[in-house]
């Protein structure tokens, strides 16, 4: 007989009503939940209970959730979905730069929460970078293919002739398709840790890339901008 293994989710939230709301949603959709009401408790439970995912509030009574995330990332790659009332771009950027897999702003709907949870867990079930890339050396979404072996991007089978910088940008986004990569992360990955944090070079490259691969650059199908945060490659449906 096949056992039905349920993913275990650690909810880090000190407000009882919100913690109960999140837990009820998750349990009714087949997940197991455990609860931590402080940052210190969260760190202990993350190491002792081995959850599959952490839902992390930033406004905790003993420490900022950002500090929990920073500490967690020194020893664990557990997926983390930040759920916070903080909606400022700098908070989102900081959390994503520190390794959060997603950032959900309160208030949020049931369907959105479940979608973010499924997405974060799915990314841990495949190798990162993309398992498809590891096996085939390519990433395909819609009519677009990134060929990592030939250093080419193909649209409907035809080489779109990207420059080296343009290809490196598309290749990086393709490896983490579906995830938002912050401007700072992209700059450091492509041009090194000492590179300037000026986003202008990214905007220029992205504009050129979109002219080559998007039917309508103003309404992209493949490369999306998360305003004030970074860029995201469309994820295939496989």
C-alpha atoms as a PDB file:
ATOM      1  CA  UNK A   1       0.000   0.000   0.000  1.00  0.00           C
ATOM      2  CA  UNK A   2       1.302   3.477  -0.931  1.00  0.00           C
ATOM      3  CA  UNK A   3       1.502   5.923   1.966  1.00  0.00           C
ATOM      4  CA  UNK A   4       0.156   9.412   1.477  1.00  0.00           C
ATOM      5  CA  UNK A   5       2.981  11.624   2.703  1.00  0.00           C
ATOM      6  CA  UNK A   6       1.822  15.100   3.679  1.00  0.00           C
ATOM      7  CA  UNK A   7       4.133  18.103   3.499  1.00  0.00           C
ATOM      8  CA  UNK A   8       4.805  19.655   6.894  1.00  0.00           C
ATOM      9  CA  UNK A   9       4.654  23.450   7.062  1.00  0.00           C
ATOM     10  CA  UNK A  10       6.031  25.559   9.903  1.00  0.00           C
ATOM     11  CA  UNK A  11       3.927  28.700  10.427  1.00  0.00           C
ATOM     12  CA  UNK A  12       5.855  31.482  12.182  1.00  0.00           C
ATOM     13  CA  UNK A  13       3.193  33.948  13.287  1.00  0.00           C
ATOM     14  CA  UNK A  14       2.478  35.496  16.696  1.00  0.00           C
ATOM     15  CA  UNK A  15      -1.058  36.724  15.954  1.00  0.00           C
ATOM     16  CA  UNK A  16      -3.329  33.848  16.945  1.00  0.00           C
ATOM     17  CA  UNK A  17      -6.161  34.693  14.553  1.00  0.00           C
ATOM     18  CA  UNK A  18      -3.857  34.866  11.518  1.00  0.00           C
ATOM     19  CA  UNK A  19      -1.957  31.731  12.540  1.00  0.00           C
ATOM     20  CA  UNK A  20      -5.260  29.872  12.933  1.00  0.00           C
ATOM     21  CA  UNK A  21      -6.511  31.158   9.561  1.00  0.00           C
ATOM     22  CA  UNK A  22      -3.362  30.019   7.727  1.00  0.00           C
ATOM     23  CA  UNK A  23      -3.269  26.689   9.535  1.00  0.00           C
ATOM     24  CA  UNK A  24      -6.937  25.971   8.763  1.00  0.00           C
ATOM     25  CA  UNK A  25      -6.406  26.680   5.061  1.00  0.00           C
ATOM     26  CA  UNK A  26      -3.355  24.437   4.882  1.00  0.00           C
ATOM     27  CA  UNK A  27      -4.825  21.529   6.857  1.00  0.00           C
ATOM     28  CA  UNK A  28      -8.007  21.560   4.765  1.00  0.00           C
ATOM     29  CA  UNK A  29      -5.817  21.269   1.664  1.00  0.00           C
ATOM     30  CA  UNK A  30      -3.846  18.270   2.843  1.00  0.00           C
ATOM     31  CA  UNK A  31      -0.862  19.824   4.618  1.00  0.00           C
ATOM     32  CA  UNK A  32       0.381  19.200   8.152  1.00  0.00           C
ATOM     33  CA  UNK A  33       1.135  22.338  10.177  1.00  0.00           C
ATOM     34  CA  UNK A  34       3.190  23.254  13.214  1.00  0.00           C
ATOM     35  CA  UNK A  35       3.291  26.693  14.815  1.00  0.00           C
ATOM     36  CA  UNK A  36       5.986  28.945  16.236  1.00  0.00           C
ATOM     37  CA  UNK A  37       5.056  32.257  17.868  1.00  0.00           C
ATOM     38  CA  UNK A  38       8.534  33.798  18.099  1.00  0.00           C
ATOM     39  CA  UNK A  39      11.777  33.942  16.174  1.00  0.00           C
ATOM     40  CA  UNK A  40      13.663  31.854  18.714  1.00  0.00           C
ATOM     41  CA  UNK A  41      10.963  29.190  18.684  1.00  0.00           C
ATOM     42  CA  UNK A  42      10.981  29.223  14.892  1.00  0.00           C
ATOM     43  CA  UNK A  43      14.726  28.510  14.734  1.00  0.00           C
ATOM     44  CA  UNK A  44      14.407  25.636  17.198  1.00  0.00           C
ATOM     45  CA  UNK A  45      11.450  24.072  15.387  1.00  0.00           C
ATOM     46  CA  UNK A  46      13.030  24.503  11.966  1.00  0.00           C
ATOM     47  CA  UNK A  47      15.983  22.374  13.063  1.00  0.00           C
ATOM     48  CA  UNK A  48      14.100  19.832  15.191  1.00  0.00           C
ATOM     49  CA  UNK A  49      10.919  19.245  13.134  1.00  0.00           C
ATOM     50  CA  UNK A  50      12.450  19.352   9.613  1.00  0.00           C
ATOM     51  CA  UNK A  51       9.496  21.081   7.905  1.00  0.00           C
ATOM     52  CA  UNK A  52       9.097  21.074   4.120  1.00  0.00           C
ATOM     53  CA  UNK A  53       8.366  24.801   4.054  1.00  0.00           C
ATOM     54  CA  UNK A  54       8.268  27.806   6.392  1.00  0.00           C
ATOM     55  CA  UNK A  55       5.662  30.568   6.286  1.00  0.00           C
ATOM     56  CA  UNK A  56       7.377  33.483   8.003  1.00  0.00           C
ATOM     57  CA  UNK A  57       5.849  36.682   9.373  1.00  0.00           C
ATOM     58  CA  UNK A  58       8.316  39.549   9.757  1.00  0.00           C
ATOM     59  CA  UNK A  59       6.727  41.237  12.773  1.00  0.00           C
ATOM     60  CA  UNK A  60       7.652  38.851  15.582  1.00  0.00           C
ATOM     61  CA  UNK A  61       7.720  39.752  19.298  1.00  0.00           C
ATOM     62  CA  UNK A  62      11.357  38.880  20.007  1.00  0.00           C
ATOM     63  CA  UNK A  63      13.153  39.691  16.758  1.00  0.00           C
ATOM     64  CA  UNK A  64      12.545  40.848  13.214  1.00  0.00           C
ATOM     65  CA  UNK A  65      11.611  38.055  10.830  1.00  0.00           C
ATOM     66  CA  UNK A  66      14.394  39.264   8.540  1.00  0.00           C
ATOM     67  CA  UNK A  67      16.877  38.208  11.223  1.00  0.00           C
ATOM     68  CA  UNK A  68      15.230  34.791  11.397  1.00  0.00           C
ATOM     69  CA  UNK A  69      15.601  34.459   7.634  1.00  0.00           C
ATOM     70  CA  UNK A  70      19.220  35.630   7.700  1.00  0.00           C
ATOM     71  CA  UNK A  71      20.086  33.145  10.447  1.00  0.00           C
ATOM     72  CA  UNK A  72      18.190  30.321   8.762  1.00  0.00           C
ATOM     73  CA  UNK A  73      20.061  30.800   5.496  1.00  0.00           C
ATOM     74  CA  UNK A  74      23.415  30.225   7.225  1.00  0.00           C
ATOM     75  CA  UNK A  75      22.575  26.537   7.583  1.00  0.00           C
ATOM     76  CA  UNK A  76      19.410  25.657   5.657  1.00  0.00           C
ATOM     77  CA  UNK A  77      17.905  25.995   2.166  1.00  0.00           C
ATOM     78  CA  UNK A  78      14.368  25.242   3.380  1.00  0.00           C
ATOM     79  CA  UNK A  79      11.852  27.119   1.210  1.00  0.00           C
ATOM     80  CA  UNK A  80      10.506  30.220   2.936  1.00  0.00           C
ATOM     81  CA  UNK A  81       7.401  32.181   1.991  1.00  0.00           C
ATOM     82  CA  UNK A  82       7.353  35.533   3.762  1.00  0.00           C
ATOM     83  CA  UNK A  83       3.874  36.724   4.755  1.00  0.00           C
ATOM     84  CA  UNK A  84       3.917  40.299   5.990  1.00  0.00           C
ATOM     85  CA  UNK A  85       1.921  43.514   6.285  1.00  0.00           C
ATOM     86  CA  UNK A  86       5.029  45.348   5.052  1.00  0.00           C
ATOM     87  CA  UNK A  87       4.378  46.276   1.446  1.00  0.00           C
ATOM     88  CA  UNK A  88       7.337  48.567   0.745  1.00  0.00           C
ATOM     89  CA  UNK A  89       9.582  47.460  -2.104  1.00  0.00           C
ATOM     90  CA  UNK A  90      12.734  47.626   0.036  1.00  0.00           C
ATOM     91  CA  UNK A  91      11.291  45.044   2.448  1.00  0.00           C
ATOM     92  CA  UNK A  92      10.471  42.682  -0.416  1.00  0.00           C
ATOM     93  CA  UNK A  93      13.890  43.160  -1.995  1.00  0.00           C
ATOM     94  CA  UNK A  94      15.695  42.552   1.300  1.00  0.00           C
ATOM     95  CA  UNK A  95      13.752  39.360   2.001  1.00  0.00           C
ATOM     96  CA  UNK A  96      14.275  38.003  -1.514  1.00  0.00           C
ATOM     97  CA  UNK A  97      17.969  38.923  -1.480  1.00  0.00           C
ATOM     98  CA  UNK A  98      18.379  37.024   1.783  1.00  0.00           C
ATOM     99  CA  UNK A  99      16.925  33.895   0.220  1.00  0.00           C
ATOM    100  CA  UNK A 100      13.154  34.022   0.674  1.00  0.00           C
ATOM    101  CA  UNK A 101      11.420  32.042  -2.076  1.00  0.00           C
ATOM    102  CA  UNK A 102       8.381  34.313  -2.188  1.00  0.00           C
ATOM    103  CA  UNK A 103       6.827  37.356  -0.504  1.00  0.00           C
ATOM    104  CA  UNK A 104       3.100  37.615   0.129  1.00  0.00           C
ATOM    105  CA  UNK A 105       1.606  40.869   1.403  1.00  0.00           C
ATOM    106  CA  UNK A 106      -1.218  40.872   3.938  1.00  0.00           C
ATOM    107  CA  UNK A 107      -4.156  40.763   3.453  1.00  0.00           C
ATOM    108  CA  UNK A 108      -4.145  37.850   1.018  1.00  0.00           C
ATOM    109  CA  UNK A 109      -6.644  35.366  -0.373  1.00  0.00           C
ATOM    110  CA  UNK A 110      -6.815  31.619   0.200  1.00  0.00           C
ATOM    111  CA  UNK A 111      -6.114  30.732  -3.431  1.00  0.00           C
ATOM    112  CA  UNK A 112      -3.065  32.999  -3.602  1.00  0.00           C
ATOM    113  CA  UNK A 113      -1.571  31.580  -0.408  1.00  0.00           C
ATOM    114  CA  UNK A 114      -1.999  28.004  -1.630  1.00  0.00           C
ATOM    115  CA  UNK A 115      -0.510  28.851  -5.029  1.00  0.00           C
ATOM    116  CA  UNK A 116       2.578  30.409  -3.410  1.00  0.00           C
ATOM    117  CA  UNK A 117       2.996  27.393  -1.133  1.00  0.00           C
ATOM    118  CA  UNK A 118       2.670  24.904  -4.008  1.00  0.00           C
ATOM    119  CA  UNK A 119       5.134  26.876  -6.099  1.00  0.00           C
ATOM    120  CA  UNK A 120       7.748  27.092  -3.343  1.00  0.00           C
ATOM    121  CA  UNK A 121       7.491  23.382  -2.556  1.00  0.00           C
ATOM    122  CA  UNK A 122       7.615  22.436  -6.223  1.00  0.00           C
ATOM    123  CA  UNK A 123      10.915  24.272  -6.629  1.00  0.00           C
ATOM    124  CA  UNK A 124      12.446  22.118  -3.891  1.00  0.00           C
ATOM    125  CA  UNK A 125      11.280  18.906  -5.554  1.00  0.00           C
ATOM    126  CA  UNK A 126      13.547  19.583  -8.533  1.00  0.00           C
ATOM    127  CA  UNK A 127      17.200  20.454  -8.564  1.00  0.00           C
ATOM    128  CA  UNK A 128      18.106  24.111  -8.774  1.00  0.00           C
ATOM    129  CA  UNK A 129      18.995  25.217 -11.362  1.00  0.00           C
ATOM    130  CA  UNK A 130      16.169  23.669 -13.351  1.00  0.00           C
ATOM    131  CA  UNK A 131      16.098  19.867 -13.561  1.00  0.00           C
ATOM    132  CA  UNK A 132      15.194  20.145 -17.226  1.00  0.00           C
ATOM    133  CA  UNK A 133      18.388  22.093 -17.871  1.00  0.00           C
ATOM    134  CA  UNK A 134      20.467  19.548 -15.959  1.00  0.00           C
ATOM    135  CA  UNK A 135      19.098  16.676 -18.056  1.00  0.00           C
ATOM    136  CA  UNK A 136      18.828  18.249 -21.508  1.00  0.00           C
ATOM    137  CA  UNK A 137      20.935  21.400 -21.524  1.00  0.00           C
ATOM    138  CA  UNK A 138      17.868  23.376 -22.615  1.00  0.00           C
ATOM    139  CA  UNK A 139      14.934  25.227 -21.127  1.00  0.00           C
ATOM    140  CA  UNK A 140      11.734  25.607 -23.155  1.00  0.00           C
ATOM    141  CA  UNK A 141       8.640  27.646 -22.428  1.00  0.00           C
ATOM    142  CA  UNK A 142       6.066  28.299 -25.117  1.00  0.00           C
ATOM    143  CA  UNK A 143       7.893  28.973 -28.396  1.00  0.00           C
ATOM    144  CA  UNK A 144      11.101  30.019 -26.648  1.00  0.00           C
ATOM    145  CA  UNK A 145      14.080  27.701 -26.051  1.00  0.00           C
ATOM    146  CA  UNK A 146      17.315  28.495 -24.239  1.00  0.00           C
ATOM    147  CA  UNK A 147      20.092  26.189 -25.454  1.00  0.00           C
ATOM    148  CA  UNK A 148      22.751  26.246 -22.761  1.00  0.00           C
ATOM    149  CA  UNK A 149      25.157  24.059 -24.706  1.00  0.00           C
ATOM    150  CA  UNK A 150      25.146  26.213 -27.861  1.00  0.00           C
ATOM    151  CA  UNK A 151      24.698  29.539 -26.012  1.00  0.00           C
ATOM    152  CA  UNK A 152      21.685  30.384 -28.146  1.00  0.00           C
ATOM    153  CA  UNK A 153      18.109  31.509 -27.592  1.00  0.00           C
ATOM    154  CA  UNK A 154      15.670  30.190 -30.170  1.00  0.00           C
ATOM    155  CA  UNK A 155      12.221  31.517 -30.975  1.00  0.00           C
ATOM    156  CA  UNK A 156      10.109  29.076 -32.995  1.00  0.00           C
ATOM    157  CA  UNK A 157      13.342  27.253 -33.783  1.00  0.00           C
ATOM    158  CA  UNK A 158      15.195  30.318 -35.078  1.00  0.00           C
ATOM    159  CA  UNK A 159      18.230  31.870 -33.385  1.00  0.00           C
ATOM    160  CA  UNK A 160      17.341  35.383 -32.181  1.00  0.00           C
ATOM    161  CA  UNK A 161      21.036  36.375 -32.082  1.00  0.00           C
ATOM    162  CA  UNK A 162      21.443  37.785 -28.596  1.00  0.00           C
ATOM    163  CA  UNK A 163      24.666  39.462 -27.550  1.00  0.00           C
ATOM    164  CA  UNK A 164      26.759  37.707 -24.893  1.00  0.00           C
ATOM    165  CA  UNK A 165      25.427  39.960 -22.122  1.00  0.00           C
ATOM    166  CA  UNK A 166      21.848  39.460 -23.296  1.00  0.00           C
ATOM    167  CA  UNK A 167      22.268  35.688 -23.442  1.00  0.00           C
ATOM    168  CA  UNK A 168      23.790  35.546 -19.955  1.00  0.00           C
ATOM    169  CA  UNK A 169      20.833  37.468 -18.558  1.00  0.00           C
ATOM    170  CA  UNK A 170      18.235  35.234 -20.246  1.00  0.00           C
ATOM    171  CA  UNK A 171      20.203  32.102 -19.298  1.00  0.00           C
ATOM    172  CA  UNK A 172      20.288  33.096 -15.619  1.00  0.00           C
ATOM    173  CA  UNK A 173      16.553  33.834 -15.508  1.00  0.00           C
ATOM    174  CA  UNK A 174      15.824  30.560 -17.307  1.00  0.00           C
ATOM    175  CA  UNK A 175      17.730  28.553 -14.702  1.00  0.00           C
ATOM    176  CA  UNK A 176      15.412  29.902 -12.016  1.00  0.00           C
ATOM    177  CA  UNK A 177      12.245  30.145 -14.117  1.00  0.00           C
ATOM    178  CA  UNK A 178       9.204  31.106 -12.091  1.00  0.00           C
ATOM    179  CA  UNK A 179      11.258  32.797  -9.373  1.00  0.00           C
ATOM    180  CA  UNK A 180      11.894  36.524  -9.032  1.00  0.00           C
ATOM    181  CA  UNK A 181      15.599  37.380  -9.173  1.00  0.00           C
ATOM    182  CA  UNK A 182      16.335  40.762  -7.653  1.00  0.00           C
ATOM    183  CA  UNK A 183      18.266  43.405  -9.568  1.00  0.00           C
ATOM    184  CA  UNK A 184      21.115  43.208  -7.063  1.00  0.00           C
ATOM    185  CA  UNK A 185      21.327  39.411  -7.322  1.00  0.00           C
ATOM    186  CA  UNK A 186      21.427  39.508 -11.137  1.00  0.00           C
ATOM    187  CA  UNK A 187      24.091  42.207 -11.222  1.00  0.00           C
ATOM    188  CA  UNK A 188      26.327  40.295  -8.792  1.00  0.00           C
ATOM    189  CA  UNK A 189      25.835  36.997 -10.654  1.00  0.00           C
ATOM    190  CA  UNK A 190      26.592  38.458 -14.085  1.00  0.00           C
ATOM    191  CA  UNK A 191      29.171  41.134 -13.317  1.00  0.00           C
ATOM    192  CA  UNK A 192      30.650  40.111  -9.978  1.00  0.00           C
ATOM    193  CA  UNK A 193      30.245  41.130  -6.314  1.00  0.00           C
ATOM    194  CA  UNK A 194      31.970  44.484  -6.824  1.00  0.00           C
ATOM    195  CA  UNK A 195      29.753  45.561  -9.710  1.00  0.00           C
ATOM    196  CA  UNK A 196      27.769  48.768  -9.377  1.00  0.00           C
ATOM    197  CA  UNK A 197      24.200  48.423  -8.138  1.00  0.00           C
ATOM    198  CA  UNK A 198      22.993  50.727 -10.928  1.00  0.00           C
ATOM    199  CA  UNK A 199      20.086  49.008 -12.697  1.00  0.00           C
ATOM    200  CA  UNK A 200      20.481  50.954 -15.937  1.00  0.00           C
ATOM    201  CA  UNK A 201      22.603  48.276 -17.624  1.00  0.00           C
ATOM    202  CA  UNK A 202      19.952  45.684 -16.793  1.00  0.00           C
ATOM    203  CA  UNK A 203      17.127  47.830 -18.157  1.00  0.00           C
ATOM    204  CA  UNK A 204      18.984  48.425 -21.407  1.00  0.00           C
ATOM    205  CA  UNK A 205      19.754  44.728 -21.873  1.00  0.00           C
ATOM    206  CA  UNK A 206      16.186  43.730 -21.026  1.00  0.00           C
ATOM    207  CA  UNK A 207      14.719  46.249 -23.463  1.00  0.00           C
ATOM    208  CA  UNK A 208      16.940  44.897 -26.237  1.00  0.00           C
ATOM    209  CA  UNK A 209      16.075  41.282 -25.391  1.00  0.00           C
ATOM    210  CA  UNK A 210      12.341  41.960 -25.383  1.00  0.00           C
ATOM    211  CA  UNK A 211      12.527  43.604 -28.794  1.00  0.00           C
ATOM    212  CA  UNK A 212      14.051  40.388 -30.106  1.00  0.00           C
ATOM    213  CA  UNK A 213      11.845  37.755 -28.451  1.00  0.00           C
ATOM    214  CA  UNK A 214       8.529  39.310 -27.433  1.00  0.00           C
ATOM    215  CA  UNK A 215       5.646  39.830 -29.867  1.00  0.00           C
ATOM    216  CA  UNK A 216       4.740  42.949 -27.903  1.00  0.00           C
ATOM    217  CA  UNK A 217       7.538  44.135 -25.583  1.00  0.00           C
ATOM    218  CA  UNK A 218       4.999  46.183 -23.587  1.00  0.00           C
ATOM    219  CA  UNK A 219       3.044  42.994 -22.803  1.00  0.00           C
ATOM    220  CA  UNK A 220       5.741  40.318 -22.404  1.00  0.00           C
ATOM    221  CA  UNK A 221       5.041  36.584 -22.543  1.00  0.00           C
ATOM    222  CA  UNK A 222       8.433  35.366 -21.356  1.00  0.00           C
ATOM    223  CA  UNK A 223      10.330  37.969 -19.322  1.00  0.00           C
ATOM    224  CA  UNK A 224       8.409  39.806 -16.622  1.00  0.00           C
ATOM    225  CA  UNK A 225       9.342  42.822 -14.518  1.00  0.00           C
ATOM    226  CA  UNK A 226       8.505  42.841 -10.825  1.00  0.00           C
ATOM    227  CA  UNK A 227       8.539  46.624 -10.441  1.00  0.00           C
ATOM    228  CA  UNK A 228      11.173  47.825  -8.016  1.00  0.00           C
ATOM    229  CA  UNK A 229      12.296  44.268  -7.282  1.00  0.00           C
ATOM    230  CA  UNK A 230      13.689  42.390 -10.288  1.00  0.00           C
ATOM    231  CA  UNK A 231      12.880  40.097 -13.216  1.00  0.00           C
ATOM    232  CA  UNK A 232      11.215  36.702 -13.652  1.00  0.00           C
ATOM    233  CA  UNK A 233      11.247  34.175 -16.508  1.00  0.00           C
ATOM    234  CA  UNK A 234       7.933  32.491 -17.364  1.00  0.00           C
ATOM    235  CA  UNK A 235       7.665  28.955 -15.990  1.00  0.00           C
ATOM    236  CA  UNK A 236       6.610  26.111 -18.256  1.00  0.00           C
ATOM    237  CA  UNK A 237       3.586  23.946 -17.447  1.00  0.00           C
ATOM    238  CA  UNK A 238       5.438  20.622 -17.330  1.00  0.00           C
END
